[in-house]
Amino acid sequence: MEKLQIERIYWAEKEVPFFLVNENQIPRPVFESIGVLYNHIEDDASQDELLTYFSLFLKQIPQDKSLRVIDLCIRLDTAYDFDPVEALF
């Protein structure tokens, strides 16, 4: 709780909204997708690589607006013969 209070004060000083959300406040599929993304954060990707992946995501999203992030990633991994979870990268 003390750490969260420090974070709240930090963001308030920067005039950035700060909210706490728990898993019971968002739909289960959204919570699962966030968990998958959070567990695969990497800092060593090049900007060009990220833009390439971003364009792949943009092509897929309009096809199915209810598609969960994890399902989109699985679809991209399969379609482009990526290693499993490479689309999450």
PDB file of N, CA and C in Angstrom:
ATOM      1  N   MET A   1       0.818  -1.185   0.000  1.00  0.00           N
ATOM      2  CA  MET A   1       0.000   0.000   0.000  1.00  0.00           C
ATOM      3  C   MET A   1       0.876   1.268   0.000  1.00  0.00           C
ATOM      4  N   GLU A   2       1.973   1.199   0.731  1.00  0.00           N
ATOM      5  CA  GLU A   2       2.870   2.359   0.794  1.00  0.00           C
ATOM      6  C   GLU A   2       3.450   2.668  -0.587  1.00  0.00           C
ATOM      7  N   LYS A   3       3.841   1.626  -1.305  1.00  0.00           N
ATOM      8  CA  LYS A   3       4.387   1.807  -2.662  1.00  0.00           C
ATOM      9  C   LYS A   3       3.337   2.445  -3.580  1.00  0.00           C
ATOM     10  N   LEU A   4       2.116   1.975  -3.488  1.00  0.00           N
ATOM     11  CA  LEU A   4       1.052   2.538  -4.316  1.00  0.00           C
ATOM     12  C   LEU A   4       0.787   3.993  -3.971  1.00  0.00           C
ATOM     13  N   GLN A   5       0.867   4.334  -2.702  1.00  0.00           N
ATOM     14  CA  GLN A   5       0.679   5.722  -2.283  1.00  0.00           C
ATOM     15  C   GLN A   5       1.774   6.616  -2.867  1.00  0.00           C
ATOM     16  N   ILE A   6       3.013   6.109  -2.859  1.00  0.00           N
ATOM     17  CA  ILE A   6       4.127   6.865  -3.447  1.00  0.00           C
ATOM     18  C   ILE A   6       3.897   7.062  -4.939  1.00  0.00           C
ATOM     19  N   GLU A   7       3.452   6.008  -5.626  1.00  0.00           N
ATOM     20  CA  GLU A   7       3.181   6.112  -7.062  1.00  0.00           C
ATOM     21  C   GLU A   7       2.057   7.110  -7.335  1.00  0.00           C
ATOM     22  N   ARG A   8       0.997   7.061  -6.514  1.00  0.00           N
ATOM     23  CA  ARG A   8      -0.129   7.978  -6.696  1.00  0.00           C
ATOM     24  C   ARG A   8       0.341   9.432  -6.566  1.00  0.00           C
ATOM     25  N   ILE A   9       1.170   9.711  -5.565  1.00  0.00           N
ATOM     26  CA  ILE A   9       1.697  11.062  -5.358  1.00  0.00           C
ATOM     27  C   ILE A   9       2.581  11.478  -6.537  1.00  0.00           C
ATOM     28  N   TYR A  10       3.438  10.557  -6.993  1.00  0.00           N
ATOM     29  CA  TYR A  10       4.331  10.836  -8.122  1.00  0.00           C
ATOM     30  C   TYR A  10       3.529  11.265  -9.348  1.00  0.00           C
ATOM     31  N   TRP A  11       2.515  10.464  -9.693  1.00  0.00           N
ATOM     32  CA  TRP A  11       1.744  10.772 -10.898  1.00  0.00           C
ATOM     33  C   TRP A  11       0.886  12.014 -10.709  1.00  0.00           C
ATOM     34  N   ALA A  12       0.405  12.257  -9.503  1.00  0.00           N
ATOM     35  CA  ALA A  12      -0.375  13.466  -9.234  1.00  0.00           C
ATOM     36  C   ALA A  12       0.482  14.707  -9.452  1.00  0.00           C
ATOM     37  N   GLU A  13       1.739  14.645  -9.031  1.00  0.00           N
ATOM     38  CA  GLU A  13       2.649  15.771  -9.236  1.00  0.00           C
ATOM     39  C   GLU A  13       2.899  16.033 -10.718  1.00  0.00           C
ATOM     40  N   LYS A  14       2.840  15.004 -11.521  1.00  0.00           N
ATOM     41  CA  LYS A  14       3.035  15.142 -12.967  1.00  0.00           C
ATOM     42  C   LYS A  14       1.711  15.401 -13.690  1.00  0.00           C
ATOM     43  N   GLU A  15       0.624  15.520 -12.917  1.00  0.00           N
ATOM     44  CA  GLU A  15      -0.717  15.750 -13.441  1.00  0.00           C
ATOM     45  C   GLU A  15      -1.155  14.656 -14.412  1.00  0.00           C
ATOM     46  N   VAL A  16      -0.808  13.417 -14.068  1.00  0.00           N
ATOM     47  CA  VAL A  16      -1.204  12.246 -14.848  1.00  0.00           C
ATOM     48  C   VAL A  16      -2.222  11.464 -14.030  1.00  0.00           C
ATOM     49  N   PRO A  17      -3.383  11.160 -14.608  1.00  0.00           N
ATOM     50  CA  PRO A  17      -4.375  10.378 -13.859  1.00  0.00           C
ATOM     51  C   PRO A  17      -3.802   9.030 -13.422  1.00  0.00           C
ATOM     52  N   PHE A  18      -4.114   8.641 -12.228  1.00  0.00           N
ATOM     53  CA  PHE A  18      -3.615   7.379 -11.675  1.00  0.00           C
ATOM     54  C   PHE A  18      -4.800   6.628 -11.091  1.00  0.00           C
ATOM     55  N   PHE A  19      -5.015   5.406 -11.574  1.00  0.00           N
ATOM     56  CA  PHE A  19      -6.143   4.601 -11.109  1.00  0.00           C
ATOM     57  C   PHE A  19      -5.653   3.212 -10.757  1.00  0.00           C
ATOM     58  N   LEU A  20      -6.291   2.632  -9.785  1.00  0.00           N
ATOM     59  CA  LEU A  20      -6.047   1.231  -9.453  1.00  0.00           C
ATOM     60  C   LEU A  20      -7.233   0.429  -9.965  1.00  0.00           C
ATOM     61  N   VAL A  21      -6.929  -0.646 -10.651  1.00  0.00           N
ATOM     62  CA  VAL A  21      -7.960  -1.512 -11.196  1.00  0.00           C
ATOM     63  C   VAL A  21      -7.595  -2.930 -10.805  1.00  0.00           C
ATOM     64  N   ASN A  22      -8.586  -3.692 -10.341  1.00  0.00           N
ATOM     65  CA  ASN A  22      -8.296  -5.097 -10.049  1.00  0.00           C
ATOM     66  C   ASN A  22      -9.018  -5.982 -11.050  1.00  0.00           C
ATOM     67  N   GLU A  23      -8.688  -7.239 -11.039  1.00  0.00           N
ATOM     68  CA  GLU A  23      -9.200  -8.166 -12.050  1.00  0.00           C
ATOM     69  C   GLU A  23     -10.716  -8.316 -12.024  1.00  0.00           C
ATOM     70  N   ASN A  24     -11.355  -7.966 -10.923  1.00  0.00           N
ATOM     71  CA  ASN A  24     -12.818  -8.076 -10.833  1.00  0.00           C
ATOM     72  C   ASN A  24     -13.530  -6.902 -11.496  1.00  0.00           C
ATOM     73  N   GLN A  25     -12.792  -5.874 -11.869  1.00  0.00           N
ATOM     74  CA  GLN A  25     -13.393  -4.679 -12.452  1.00  0.00           C
ATOM     75  C   GLN A  25     -13.361  -4.655 -13.977  1.00  0.00           C
ATOM     76  N   ILE A  26     -12.705  -5.616 -14.593  1.00  0.00           N
ATOM     77  CA  ILE A  26     -12.637  -5.662 -16.056  1.00  0.00           C
ATOM     78  C   ILE A  26     -13.045  -7.052 -16.533  1.00  0.00           C
ATOM     79  N   PRO A  27     -13.531  -7.155 -17.761  1.00  0.00           N
ATOM     80  CA  PRO A  27     -13.937  -8.464 -18.282  1.00  0.00           C
ATOM     81  C   PRO A  27     -12.766  -9.456 -18.275  1.00  0.00           C
ATOM     82  N   ARG A  28     -13.070 -10.697 -18.002  1.00  0.00           N
ATOM     83  CA  ARG A  28     -12.047 -11.748 -17.897  1.00  0.00           C
ATOM     84  C   ARG A  28     -11.151 -11.827 -19.140  1.00  0.00           C
ATOM     85  N   PRO A  29     -11.705 -11.816 -20.369  1.00  0.00           N
ATOM     86  CA  PRO A  29     -10.821 -11.881 -21.555  1.00  0.00           C
ATOM     87  C   PRO A  29      -9.831 -10.719 -21.623  1.00  0.00           C
ATOM     88  N   VAL A  30     -10.253  -9.529 -21.209  1.00  0.00           N
ATOM     89  CA  VAL A  30      -9.361  -8.378 -21.215  1.00  0.00           C
ATOM     90  C   VAL A  30      -8.249  -8.588 -20.185  1.00  0.00           C
ATOM     91  N   PHE A  31      -8.631  -9.060 -19.001  1.00  0.00           N
ATOM     92  CA  PHE A  31      -7.647  -9.314 -17.947  1.00  0.00           C
ATOM     93  C   PHE A  31      -6.615 -10.348 -18.402  1.00  0.00           C
ATOM     94  N   GLU A  32      -7.074 -11.408 -19.052  1.00  0.00           N
ATOM     95  CA  GLU A  32      -6.159 -12.449 -19.543  1.00  0.00           C
ATOM     96  C   GLU A  32      -5.221 -11.901 -20.611  1.00  0.00           C
ATOM     97  N   SER A  33      -5.744 -11.080 -21.505  1.00  0.00           N
ATOM     98  CA  SER A  33      -4.908 -10.498 -22.559  1.00  0.00           C
ATOM     99  C   SER A  33      -3.848  -9.577 -21.976  1.00  0.00           C
ATOM    100  N   ILE A  34      -4.223  -8.778 -21.007  1.00  0.00           N
ATOM    101  CA  ILE A  34      -3.250  -7.891 -20.354  1.00  0.00           C
ATOM    102  C   ILE A  34      -2.168  -8.716 -19.675  1.00  0.00           C
ATOM    103  N   GLY A  35      -2.568  -9.793 -19.006  1.00  0.00           N
ATOM    104  CA  GLY A  35      -1.596 -10.661 -18.340  1.00  0.00           C
ATOM    105  C   GLY A  35      -0.611 -11.267 -19.312  1.00  0.00           C
ATOM    106  N   VAL A  36      -1.100 -11.696 -20.446  1.00  0.00           N
ATOM    107  CA  VAL A  36      -0.223 -12.279 -21.456  1.00  0.00           C
ATOM    108  C   VAL A  36       0.768 -11.236 -21.956  1.00  0.00           C
ATOM    109  N   LEU A  37       0.287 -10.048 -22.259  1.00  0.00           N
ATOM    110  CA  LEU A  37       1.168  -8.986 -22.746  1.00  0.00           C
ATOM    111  C   LEU A  37       2.181  -8.571 -21.681  1.00  0.00           C
ATOM    112  N   TYR A  38       1.721  -8.400 -20.464  1.00  0.00           N
ATOM    113  CA  TYR A  38       2.597  -7.951 -19.379  1.00  0.00           C
ATOM    114  C   TYR A  38       3.735  -8.936 -19.139  1.00  0.00           C
ATOM    115  N   ASN A  39       3.457 -10.207 -19.292  1.00  0.00           N
ATOM    116  CA  ASN A  39       4.473 -11.233 -19.039  1.00  0.00           C
ATOM    117  C   ASN A  39       5.470 -11.389 -20.180  1.00  0.00           C
ATOM    118  N   HIS A  40       5.259 -10.681 -21.287  1.00  0.00           N
ATOM    119  CA  HIS A  40       6.153 -10.814 -22.435  1.00  0.00           C
ATOM    120  C   HIS A  40       6.774  -9.482 -22.846  1.00  0.00           C
ATOM    121  N   ILE A  41       6.896  -8.577 -21.904  1.00  0.00           N
ATOM    122  CA  ILE A  41       7.499  -7.275 -22.198  1.00  0.00           C
ATOM    123  C   ILE A  41       9.003  -7.453 -22.401  1.00  0.00           C
ATOM    124  N   GLU A  42       9.501  -6.897 -23.502  1.00  0.00           N
ATOM    125  CA  GLU A  42      10.932  -6.929 -23.779  1.00  0.00           C
ATOM    126  C   GLU A  42      11.349  -5.547 -24.263  1.00  0.00           C
ATOM    127  N   ASP A  43      12.548  -5.162 -23.919  1.00  0.00           N
ATOM    128  CA  ASP A  43      13.016  -3.826 -24.263  1.00  0.00           C
ATOM    129  C   ASP A  43      14.003  -3.804 -25.420  1.00  0.00           C
ATOM    130  N   ASP A  44      14.374  -4.950 -25.963  1.00  0.00           N
ATOM    131  CA  ASP A  44      15.451  -4.974 -26.945  1.00  0.00           C
ATOM    132  C   ASP A  44      14.982  -5.011 -28.401  1.00  0.00           C
ATOM    133  N   ALA A  45      13.717  -4.732 -28.653  1.00  0.00           N
ATOM    134  CA  ALA A  45      13.208  -4.750 -30.023  1.00  0.00           C
ATOM    135  C   ALA A  45      13.576  -3.453 -30.736  1.00  0.00           C
ATOM    136  N   SER A  46      13.901  -3.574 -32.017  1.00  0.00           N
ATOM    137  CA  SER A  46      14.199  -2.376 -32.801  1.00  0.00           C
ATOM    138  C   SER A  46      12.894  -1.714 -33.230  1.00  0.00           C
ATOM    139  N   GLN A  47      12.963  -0.448 -33.526  1.00  0.00           N
ATOM    140  CA  GLN A  47      11.786   0.304 -33.958  1.00  0.00           C
ATOM    141  C   GLN A  47      11.218  -0.276 -35.253  1.00  0.00           C
ATOM    142  N   ASP A  48      12.078  -0.670 -36.187  1.00  0.00           N
ATOM    143  CA  ASP A  48      11.625  -1.245 -37.456  1.00  0.00           C
ATOM    144  C   ASP A  48      10.880  -2.560 -37.227  1.00  0.00           C
ATOM    145  N   GLU A  49      11.427  -3.391 -36.327  1.00  0.00           N
ATOM    146  CA  GLU A  49      10.752  -4.656 -36.004  1.00  0.00           C
ATOM    147  C   GLU A  49       9.359  -4.408 -35.453  1.00  0.00           C
ATOM    148  N   LEU A  50       9.262  -3.484 -34.512  1.00  0.00           N
ATOM    149  CA  LEU A  50       7.974  -3.188 -33.900  1.00  0.00           C
ATOM    150  C   LEU A  50       6.983  -2.642 -34.921  1.00  0.00           C
ATOM    151  N   LEU A  51       7.441  -1.803 -35.833  1.00  0.00           N
ATOM    152  CA  LEU A  51       6.553  -1.264 -36.871  1.00  0.00           C
ATOM    153  C   LEU A  51       6.062  -2.360 -37.808  1.00  0.00           C
ATOM    154  N   THR A  52       6.926  -3.316 -38.104  1.00  0.00           N
ATOM    155  CA  THR A  52       6.522  -4.443 -38.946  1.00  0.00           C
ATOM    156  C   THR A  52       5.408  -5.238 -38.278  1.00  0.00           C
ATOM    157  N   TYR A  53       5.613  -5.559 -37.005  1.00  0.00           N
ATOM    158  CA  TYR A  53       4.582  -6.307 -36.277  1.00  0.00           C
ATOM    159  C   TYR A  53       3.307  -5.487 -36.139  1.00  0.00           C
ATOM    160  N   PHE A  54       3.451  -4.208 -35.880  1.00  0.00           N
ATOM    161  CA  PHE A  54       2.289  -3.343 -35.738  1.00  0.00           C
ATOM    162  C   PHE A  54       1.444  -3.358 -37.009  1.00  0.00           C
ATOM    163  N   SER A  55       2.090  -3.321 -38.164  1.00  0.00           N
ATOM    164  CA  SER A  55       1.342  -3.346 -39.427  1.00  0.00           C
ATOM    165  C   SER A  55       0.605  -4.668 -39.603  1.00  0.00           C
ATOM    166  N   LEU A  56       1.200  -5.769 -39.132  1.00  0.00           N
ATOM    167  CA  LEU A  56       0.510  -7.060 -39.197  1.00  0.00           C
ATOM    168  C   LEU A  56      -0.740  -7.050 -38.323  1.00  0.00           C
ATOM    169  N   PHE A  57      -0.622  -6.484 -37.133  1.00  0.00           N
ATOM    170  CA  PHE A  57      -1.773  -6.384 -36.251  1.00  0.00           C
ATOM    171  C   PHE A  57      -2.868  -5.528 -36.883  1.00  0.00           C
ATOM    172  N   LEU A  58      -2.484  -4.398 -37.466  1.00  0.00           N
ATOM    173  CA  LEU A  58      -3.467  -3.498 -38.070  1.00  0.00           C
ATOM    174  C   LEU A  58      -4.243  -4.166 -39.195  1.00  0.00           C
ATOM    175  N   LYS A  59      -3.600  -5.060 -39.930  1.00  0.00           N
ATOM    176  CA  LYS A  59      -4.288  -5.756 -41.018  1.00  0.00           C
ATOM    177  C   LYS A  59      -5.309  -6.745 -40.476  1.00  0.00           C
ATOM    178  N   GLN A  60      -5.059  -7.328 -39.322  1.00  0.00           N
ATOM    179  CA  GLN A  60      -5.932  -8.360 -38.769  1.00  0.00           C
ATOM    180  C   GLN A  60      -7.103  -7.812 -37.962  1.00  0.00           C
ATOM    181  N   ILE A  61      -6.917  -6.710 -37.262  1.00  0.00           N
ATOM    182  CA  ILE A  61      -7.938  -6.205 -36.343  1.00  0.00           C
ATOM    183  C   ILE A  61      -9.260  -5.881 -37.039  1.00  0.00           C
ATOM    184  N   PRO A  62      -9.282  -5.190 -38.185  1.00  0.00           N
ATOM    185  CA  PRO A  62     -10.577  -4.884 -38.808  1.00  0.00           C
ATOM    186  C   PRO A  62     -11.371  -6.130 -39.218  1.00  0.00           C
ATOM    187  N   GLN A  63     -10.709  -7.248 -39.375  1.00  0.00           N
ATOM    188  CA  GLN A  63     -11.397  -8.463 -39.797  1.00  0.00           C
ATOM    189  C   GLN A  63     -12.286  -9.024 -38.699  1.00  0.00           C
ATOM    190  N   ASP A  64     -11.937  -8.816 -37.451  1.00  0.00           N
ATOM    191  CA  ASP A  64     -12.724  -9.352 -36.332  1.00  0.00           C
ATOM    192  C   ASP A  64     -12.521  -8.451 -35.126  1.00  0.00           C
ATOM    193  N   LYS A  65     -13.408  -7.485 -34.935  1.00  0.00           N
ATOM    194  CA  LYS A  65     -13.237  -6.481 -33.877  1.00  0.00           C
ATOM    195  C   LYS A  65     -13.404  -7.059 -32.471  1.00  0.00           C
ATOM    196  N   SER A  66     -13.979  -8.248 -32.346  1.00  0.00           N
ATOM    197  CA  SER A  66     -14.142  -8.858 -31.027  1.00  0.00           C
ATOM    198  C   SER A  66     -12.994  -9.810 -30.692  1.00  0.00           C
ATOM    199  N   LEU A  67     -12.004  -9.871 -31.550  1.00  0.00           N
ATOM    200  CA  LEU A  67     -10.872 -10.776 -31.364  1.00  0.00           C
ATOM    201  C   LEU A  67     -10.034 -10.379 -30.154  1.00  0.00           C
ATOM    202  N   ARG A  68      -9.760 -11.348 -29.278  1.00  0.00           N
ATOM    203  CA  ARG A  68      -8.914 -11.086 -28.116  1.00  0.00           C
ATOM    204  C   ARG A  68      -7.462 -10.991 -28.569  1.00  0.00           C
ATOM    205  N   VAL A  69      -6.665 -10.226 -27.831  1.00  0.00           N
ATOM    206  CA  VAL A  69      -5.261 -10.026 -28.183  1.00  0.00           C
ATOM    207  C   VAL A  69      -4.539 -11.359 -28.280  1.00  0.00           C
ATOM    208  N   ILE A  70      -4.745 -12.230 -27.315  1.00  0.00           N
ATOM    209  CA  ILE A  70      -4.050 -13.518 -27.330  1.00  0.00           C
ATOM    210  C   ILE A  70      -4.442 -14.340 -28.558  1.00  0.00           C
ATOM    211  N   ASP A  71      -5.715 -14.296 -28.933  1.00  0.00           N
ATOM    212  CA  ASP A  71      -6.156 -15.043 -30.116  1.00  0.00           C
ATOM    213  C   ASP A  71      -5.573 -14.440 -31.397  1.00  0.00           C
ATOM    214  N   LEU A  72      -5.481 -13.118 -31.441  1.00  0.00           N
ATOM    215  CA  LEU A  72      -4.845 -12.454 -32.581  1.00  0.00           C
ATOM    216  C   LEU A  72      -3.390 -12.878 -32.694  1.00  0.00           C
ATOM    217  N   CYS A  73      -2.696 -12.925 -31.576  1.00  0.00           N
ATOM    218  CA  CYS A  73      -1.289 -13.321 -31.588  1.00  0.00           C
ATOM    219  C   CYS A  73      -1.121 -14.762 -32.050  1.00  0.00           C
ATOM    220  N   ILE A  74      -1.991 -15.632 -31.584  1.00  0.00           N
ATOM    221  CA  ILE A  74      -1.935 -17.035 -32.020  1.00  0.00           C
ATOM    222  C   ILE A  74      -2.176 -17.120 -33.523  1.00  0.00           C
ATOM    223  N   ARG A  75      -3.138 -16.348 -34.009  1.00  0.00           N
ATOM    224  CA  ARG A  75      -3.447 -16.332 -35.444  1.00  0.00           C
ATOM    225  C   ARG A  75      -2.236 -15.853 -36.252  1.00  0.00           C
ATOM    226  N   LEU A  76      -1.594 -14.794 -35.780  1.00  0.00           N
ATOM    227  CA  LEU A  76      -0.421 -14.268 -36.489  1.00  0.00           C
ATOM    228  C   LEU A  76       0.752 -15.240 -36.437  1.00  0.00           C
ATOM    229  N   ASP A  77       0.978 -15.850 -35.283  1.00  0.00           N
ATOM    230  CA  ASP A  77       2.051 -16.850 -35.169  1.00  0.00           C
ATOM    231  C   ASP A  77       1.854 -17.962 -36.186  1.00  0.00           C
ATOM    232  N   THR A  78       0.621 -18.407 -36.337  1.00  0.00           N
ATOM    233  CA  THR A  78       0.316 -19.496 -37.268  1.00  0.00           C
ATOM    234  C   THR A  78       0.425 -19.040 -38.718  1.00  0.00           C
ATOM    235  N   ALA A  79      -0.176 -17.893 -39.029  1.00  0.00           N
ATOM    236  CA  ALA A  79      -0.215 -17.405 -40.408  1.00  0.00           C
ATOM    237  C   ALA A  79       1.173 -17.096 -40.961  1.00  0.00           C
ATOM    238  N   TYR A  80       2.054 -16.587 -40.119  1.00  0.00           N
ATOM    239  CA  TYR A  80       3.371 -16.171 -40.584  1.00  0.00           C
ATOM    240  C   TYR A  80       4.481 -17.130 -40.154  1.00  0.00           C
ATOM    241  N   ASP A  81       4.077 -18.291 -39.653  1.00  0.00           N
ATOM    242  CA  ASP A  81       5.016 -19.330 -39.246  1.00  0.00           C
ATOM    243  C   ASP A  81       6.050 -18.810 -38.235  1.00  0.00           C
ATOM    244  N   PHE A  82       5.550 -17.982 -37.297  1.00  0.00           N
ATOM    245  CA  PHE A  82       6.398 -17.493 -36.206  1.00  0.00           C
ATOM    246  C   PHE A  82       6.544 -18.572 -35.142  1.00  0.00           C
ATOM    247  N   ASP A  83       7.562 -18.427 -34.316  1.00  0.00           N
ATOM    248  CA  ASP A  83       7.665 -19.266 -33.125  1.00  0.00           C
ATOM    249  C   ASP A  83       6.490 -18.916 -32.223  1.00  0.00           C
ATOM    250  N   PRO A  84       6.040 -19.882 -31.391  1.00  0.00           N
ATOM    251  CA  PRO A  84       4.928 -19.576 -30.474  1.00  0.00           C
ATOM    252  C   PRO A  84       5.246 -18.338 -29.633  1.00  0.00           C
ATOM    253  N   VAL A  85       4.274 -17.512 -29.446  1.00  0.00           N
ATOM    254  CA  VAL A  85       4.279 -16.229 -28.717  1.00  0.00           C
ATOM    255  C   VAL A  85       5.189 -15.163 -29.326  1.00  0.00           C
ATOM    256  N   GLU A  86       5.712 -15.368 -30.527  1.00  0.00           N
ATOM    257  CA  GLU A  86       6.539 -14.338 -31.158  1.00  0.00           C
ATOM    258  C   GLU A  86       5.730 -13.074 -31.452  1.00  0.00           C
ATOM    259  N   ALA A  87       4.442 -13.249 -31.795  1.00  0.00           N
ATOM    260  CA  ALA A  87       3.609 -12.081 -32.055  1.00  0.00           C
ATOM    261  C   ALA A  87       3.432 -11.241 -30.796  1.00  0.00           C
ATOM    262  N   LEU A  88       3.479 -11.860 -29.637  1.00  0.00           N
ATOM    263  CA  LEU A  88       3.393 -11.099 -28.390  1.00  0.00           C
ATOM    264  C   LEU A  88       4.605 -10.222 -28.201  1.00  0.00           C
ATOM    265  N   PHE A  89       5.744 -10.693 -28.666  1.00  0.00           N
ATOM    266  CA  PHE A  89       6.981  -9.909 -28.588  1.00  0.00           C
ATOM    267  C   PHE A  89       6.767  -8.581 -29.263  1.00  0.00           C
TER     268      PHE A  89
END
